[in-house]
Protein backbone atom coordinates (compact mmCIF):
# COMPACT_ATOMS: atom_id res chain seq x y z
CA MET A 1 -30.01 -29.89 37.25
CA GLY A 2 -33.52 -30.93 36.30
CA GLU A 3 -36.50 -30.08 38.43
CA ILE A 4 -39.53 -32.03 39.48
CA SER A 5 -41.99 -29.63 37.97
CA ARG A 6 -45.10 -31.76 37.46
CA TYR A 7 -47.29 -33.65 39.86
CA SER A 8 -50.76 -35.01 39.82
CA GLU A 9 -53.25 -34.82 42.62
CA ASN A 10 -54.75 -38.26 42.68
CA THR A 11 -57.26 -39.67 45.14
CA ASN A 12 -56.77 -43.21 43.78
CA PRO A 13 -53.01 -43.76 43.53
CA ALA A 14 -51.75 -46.60 41.39
CA THR A 15 -49.20 -49.19 42.45
CA GLY A 16 -45.75 -47.57 42.35
CA ASP A 17 -47.02 -44.05 43.07
CA PHE A 18 -45.16 -42.13 45.75
CA VAL A 19 -47.76 -40.74 48.10
CA LEU A 20 -47.21 -37.80 50.46
CA GLY A 21 -49.34 -37.44 53.57
CA GLU A 22 -50.16 -41.05 54.44
CA THR A 23 -51.63 -41.60 57.88
CA THR A 24 -52.11 -44.75 59.93
CA SER A 25 -55.60 -45.03 58.48
CA GLY A 26 -54.37 -44.72 54.88
CA PRO A 27 -53.54 -42.03 52.34
CA THR A 28 -54.96 -38.54 52.71
CA THR A 29 -57.05 -37.03 49.95
CA ASN A 30 -54.10 -34.98 48.63
CA ARG A 31 -51.66 -37.31 46.95
CA PHE A 32 -48.80 -36.41 44.67
CA LYS A 33 -47.33 -38.76 42.12
CA LEU A 34 -43.64 -38.05 41.63
CA LEU A 35 -42.04 -38.42 38.24
CA ASN A 36 -40.29 -41.71 37.70
CA LEU A 37 -36.47 -41.74 37.41
CA ILE A 38 -36.48 -42.11 33.64
CA THR A 39 -38.55 -38.96 33.24
CA LEU A 40 -36.36 -37.15 35.75
CA PHE A 41 -33.19 -38.10 33.84
CA ASN A 42 -34.85 -37.10 30.57
CA ASN A 43 -35.18 -33.62 32.06
CA ASN A 44 -31.40 -33.17 31.69
CA VAL A 45 -30.26 -34.75 34.94
CA GLY A 46 -27.39 -37.06 34.09
CA GLN A 47 -27.44 -36.67 30.32
CA PHE A 48 -24.00 -36.70 28.71
CA THR A 49 -22.71 -33.57 26.98
CA ASP A 50 -20.30 -33.90 24.06
CA TYR A 51 -17.07 -32.03 24.88
CA SER A 52 -14.96 -33.50 22.03
CA SER A 53 -14.64 -30.32 19.97
CA SER A 54 -13.91 -28.08 23.00
CA SER A 55 -11.32 -30.27 24.72
CA THR A 56 -7.59 -29.70 24.28
CA ILE A 57 -6.32 -33.12 23.21
CA VAL A 58 -2.59 -33.92 23.23
CA GLY A 59 -0.79 -36.98 21.84
CA TRP A 60 -2.24 -37.50 18.37
CA SER A 61 -1.45 -35.90 15.00
CA SER A 62 -4.88 -36.99 13.74
CA LEU A 63 -7.85 -38.73 15.33
CA SER A 64 -10.23 -41.17 13.64
CA THR A 65 -12.29 -41.55 16.82
CA THR A 66 -12.85 -38.62 19.16
CA ILE A 67 -15.40 -39.10 21.93
CA ILE A 68 -15.23 -37.07 25.12
CA GLN A 69 -18.53 -36.85 26.97
CA TYR A 70 -19.34 -35.79 30.51
CA ALA A 71 -22.35 -35.57 32.79
CA GLN A 72 -22.48 -33.84 36.15
CA VAL A 73 -24.92 -34.87 38.84
CA GLY A 74 -24.38 -32.76 41.93
CA LYS A 75 -20.67 -32.97 42.79
CA VAL A 76 -20.05 -36.15 40.76
CA VAL A 77 -18.78 -35.89 37.18
CA PHE A 78 -19.03 -38.94 34.90
CA VAL A 79 -16.74 -39.13 31.86
CA ASN A 80 -16.92 -41.43 28.83
CA PHE A 81 -14.06 -41.20 26.33
CA ALA A 82 -12.54 -42.93 23.30
CA LEU A 83 -9.53 -41.50 21.46
CA ARG A 84 -8.00 -43.33 18.50
CA GLY A 85 -5.63 -42.09 15.85
CA THR A 86 -2.02 -41.56 14.80
CA SER A 87 0.31 -40.97 17.73
CA ASN A 88 2.77 -38.08 17.55
CA SER A 89 3.84 -37.93 21.20
CA THR A 90 4.87 -40.09 24.13
CA ALA A 91 2.23 -38.18 26.13
CA ALA A 92 -1.58 -38.31 25.99
CA SER A 93 -4.12 -36.08 27.68
CA PHE A 94 -7.38 -34.18 27.30
CA THR A 95 -9.15 -31.42 29.19
CA LEU A 96 -12.58 -31.34 30.80
CA PRO A 97 -14.80 -28.34 31.62
CA VAL A 98 -15.41 -29.24 35.29
CA ALA A 99 -12.53 -28.82 37.74
CA ALA A 100 -11.75 -31.73 40.05
CA VAL A 101 -11.33 -31.48 43.80
CA ALA A 102 -7.86 -32.24 45.20
CA ILE A 103 -7.70 -35.34 47.40
CA ASN A 104 -4.93 -36.29 49.89
CA GLY A 105 -2.86 -33.10 49.73
CA GLY A 106 0.89 -32.69 49.70
CA ALA A 107 3.17 -34.54 47.28
CA ASN A 108 0.57 -37.29 46.67
CA THR A 109 -2.29 -34.98 45.70
CA LEU A 110 -4.50 -36.51 43.02
CA SER A 111 -8.16 -35.97 42.20
CA PHE A 112 -8.57 -39.55 41.09
CA ASP A 113 -6.40 -42.35 39.72
CA THR A 114 -7.85 -45.37 37.91
CA ALA A 115 -7.46 -47.80 35.01
CA SER A 116 -8.87 -47.50 31.49
CA GLY A 117 -10.62 -49.95 29.27
CA LEU A 118 -9.13 -51.04 25.95
CA ASN A 119 -5.89 -49.44 24.81
CA PHE A 120 -3.45 -49.81 21.90
CA ASP A 121 0.13 -48.53 21.66
CA ASN A 122 1.89 -48.40 18.27
CA GLY A 123 -0.99 -50.44 16.81
CA SER A 124 -0.70 -53.30 19.34
CA ILE A 125 -3.34 -54.08 21.90
CA GLN A 126 -1.93 -53.81 25.41
CA SER A 127 -2.32 -56.57 27.98
CA THR A 128 -2.76 -54.09 30.84
CA PRO A 129 -5.08 -51.08 31.04
CA ALA A 130 -3.83 -47.53 30.70
CA ARG A 131 -3.62 -45.35 33.81
CA ILE A 132 -5.98 -42.35 33.95
CA TYR A 133 -5.58 -39.57 36.50
CA ILE A 134 -6.12 -35.89 37.25
CA ASP A 135 -3.25 -34.21 39.09
CA PRO A 136 -4.57 -30.87 40.42
CA THR A 137 -1.02 -29.70 41.16
CA VAL A 138 -0.63 -29.58 37.34
CA SER A 139 -4.22 -28.75 36.31
CA ASP A 140 -7.55 -29.54 37.97
CA SER A 141 -9.20 -30.18 34.58
CA LEU A 142 -6.46 -32.11 32.73
CA VAL A 143 -6.92 -35.86 32.35
CA THR A 144 -3.57 -37.60 31.85
CA LEU A 145 -3.44 -41.00 30.11
CA VAL A 146 -0.35 -43.17 30.53
CA ARG A 147 0.23 -46.50 28.78
CA SER A 148 -0.05 -48.68 31.88
CA MET A 149 0.20 -48.44 35.65
CA GLY A 150 3.98 -48.92 35.47
CA VAL A 151 4.98 -47.52 32.04
CA ASN A 152 4.37 -43.82 31.57
CA SER A 153 5.16 -43.20 27.92
CA TRP A 154 3.41 -44.11 24.71
CA THR A 155 5.14 -44.71 21.39
CA ALA A 156 5.23 -41.49 19.35
CA SER A 157 4.14 -43.26 16.15
CA GLY A 158 1.60 -45.79 14.94
CA THR A 159 -1.95 -46.13 16.25
CA LYS A 160 -2.70 -44.96 19.78
CA ASP A 161 -6.14 -45.92 21.11
CA VAL A 162 -7.35 -45.46 24.66
CA ARG A 163 -10.90 -45.71 25.98
CA GLY A 164 -12.63 -45.69 29.31
CA MET A 165 -15.28 -44.38 31.63
CA PHE A 166 -14.64 -42.87 35.05
CA SER A 167 -16.08 -40.51 37.60
CA TYR A 168 -14.57 -37.91 39.90
CA GLN A 169 -15.60 -35.37 42.49
CA ALA A 170 -16.06 -31.81 41.22
CA ALA A 171 -14.38 -28.96 43.09
C-alpha cells in the first residue's frame, strides 16, 4: 500500500488543494496539500502485477495469449485476464496469489460468481459469456472458467479463448 509521504506547507493554497485546519474565518497558516489521486496510485496503490508466469493454468496445451494481472487495494482484489490457445481439456482454470473470502457458507459457498467478456470454444465465438467463479470449498485461490452459465465443459480441442475482468474480496 502506498503512503502519503509528501506535503507542502502553503500559506496561499491553490484551487483544488486540500487544506487542514480551516476555521470559520478562513484557513490557518499551516496548510497541507495532499497528493492528488494520480500521484497516490503511481506510488503503487492499485497498480496491476503480472502473475501470468506464476499462475497454474489448466485447460490449454499451448497459449498464444497469457495475461493474468491483479491489483489489491485493501481487501479488494482486481483481476484482468486473457487466455487464448489450443484447448486440451474440457476444464479451464488459473490460480491467483491472494486467497478469497468465503461468502454464504454451506453447500452454496462461493467467493464470487460472475460472467466473462469475450470467449471462444473450439474456435467459435460464443453468444453467451463464460462463467467465472472461485469456490473456496475446492481452493480459495483457484479461478474456474466454464463455457457459459449453463454449460460447464469446453471442447478439448481447437482454440479456447476466454477474457474478463473481475474483483473479489480477499480473505
